[in-house]
């Protein structure tokens, strides 16, 4: 049960990036989002990805994959509208 809840949460947490992606697209602006923060977070996620992919823990693996994929959308939108 704990593993299942952790797995669901590991997918649900990165889904919180979707409203930010949509908000940036609707406003056609990302001026209020720090470029340094965006690229810093993305860099950390990319550097963490190899560890996540090789981890035997499916929760950590799912979290790393989902987070990189969905935060990539944030990065694209921020770079697009900056």
Protein backbone atom coordinates (compact mmCIF):
# COMPACT_ATOMS: atom_id res chain seq x y z
CA UNK A 1 0.00 0.00 0.00
CA UNK A 2 2.80 2.43 0.88
CA UNK A 3 4.60 1.64 -2.38
CA UNK A 4 1.40 2.22 -4.40
CA UNK A 5 0.71 5.57 -2.70
CA UNK A 6 4.30 6.65 -3.25
CA UNK A 7 4.07 5.71 -6.92
CA UNK A 8 0.85 7.69 -7.40
CA UNK A 9 2.38 10.69 -5.61
CA UNK A 10 5.55 10.45 -7.70
CA UNK A 11 3.45 10.92 -10.83
CA UNK A 12 0.99 13.42 -9.34
CA UNK A 13 3.58 15.88 -8.04
CA UNK A 14 5.14 16.64 -11.46
CA UNK A 15 1.61 17.07 -12.86
CA UNK A 16 1.52 20.31 -10.88
CA UNK A 17 3.75 21.76 -13.61
CA UNK A 18 0.86 21.62 -16.10
CA UNK A 19 -1.03 24.64 -14.68
CA UNK A 20 2.20 26.68 -14.84
CA UNK A 21 2.76 25.67 -18.47
CA UNK A 22 -0.83 26.63 -19.33
CA UNK A 23 -0.61 29.92 -17.39
CA UNK A 24 2.52 30.98 -19.27
CA UNK A 25 0.94 30.08 -22.62
CA UNK A 26 -2.29 31.98 -21.87
CA UNK A 27 -0.49 35.10 -20.71
CA UNK A 28 2.16 34.80 -23.40
CA UNK A 29 4.65 35.95 -20.80
CA UNK A 30 7.15 34.38 -18.42
CA UNK A 31 8.62 37.61 -17.09
CA UNK A 32 7.62 36.77 -13.51
CA UNK A 33 9.47 33.43 -13.60
CA UNK A 34 13.19 33.53 -12.93
CA UNK A 35 15.24 32.14 -15.77
CA UNK A 36 18.03 31.24 -13.33
CA UNK A 37 15.58 29.30 -11.14
CA UNK A 38 14.06 27.51 -14.13
CA UNK A 39 17.40 26.46 -15.59
CA UNK A 40 18.79 25.61 -12.14
CA UNK A 41 15.92 23.28 -11.31
CA UNK A 42 16.05 21.72 -14.77
CA UNK A 43 19.81 21.16 -14.52
CA UNK A 44 19.40 19.40 -11.18
CA UNK A 45 16.61 17.21 -12.57
CA UNK A 46 18.70 16.23 -15.60
CA UNK A 47 21.71 15.45 -13.41
CA UNK A 48 19.49 13.34 -11.12
CA UNK A 49 17.91 11.43 -14.05
CA UNK A 50 20.69 8.81 -14.53
CA UNK A 51 20.43 7.87 -10.86
CA UNK A 52 16.67 7.60 -11.17
CA UNK A 53 16.84 5.47 -14.30
CA UNK A 54 19.25 3.00 -12.71
CA UNK A 55 17.48 2.89 -9.34
CA UNK A 56 15.74 -0.33 -8.35
CA UNK A 57 13.08 1.81 -6.62
CA UNK A 58 10.13 2.20 -9.04
CA UNK A 59 8.80 5.25 -7.16
CA UNK A 60 12.07 7.17 -7.55
CA UNK A 61 12.37 6.04 -11.18
CA UNK A 62 8.83 7.19 -12.02
CA UNK A 63 9.34 10.49 -10.20
CA UNK A 64 12.56 11.26 -12.07
CA UNK A 65 11.09 10.46 -15.47
CA UNK A 66 7.82 12.33 -14.90
CA UNK A 67 9.57 15.32 -13.40
CA UNK A 68 12.07 15.70 -16.25
CA UNK A 69 9.36 15.31 -18.88
CA UNK A 70 6.90 17.76 -17.36
CA UNK A 71 9.45 20.31 -16.18
CA UNK A 72 10.85 20.29 -19.72
CA UNK A 73 7.51 21.81 -20.71
CA UNK A 74 8.03 24.59 -18.17
CA UNK A 75 11.53 25.24 -19.52
CA UNK A 76 10.28 25.37 -23.10
CA UNK A 77 7.52 27.82 -22.20
CA UNK A 78 9.80 30.05 -20.13
CA UNK A 79 12.41 30.19 -22.89
CA UNK A 80 9.72 30.72 -25.52
CA UNK A 81 8.08 33.67 -23.77
CA UNK A 82 11.18 35.37 -22.29
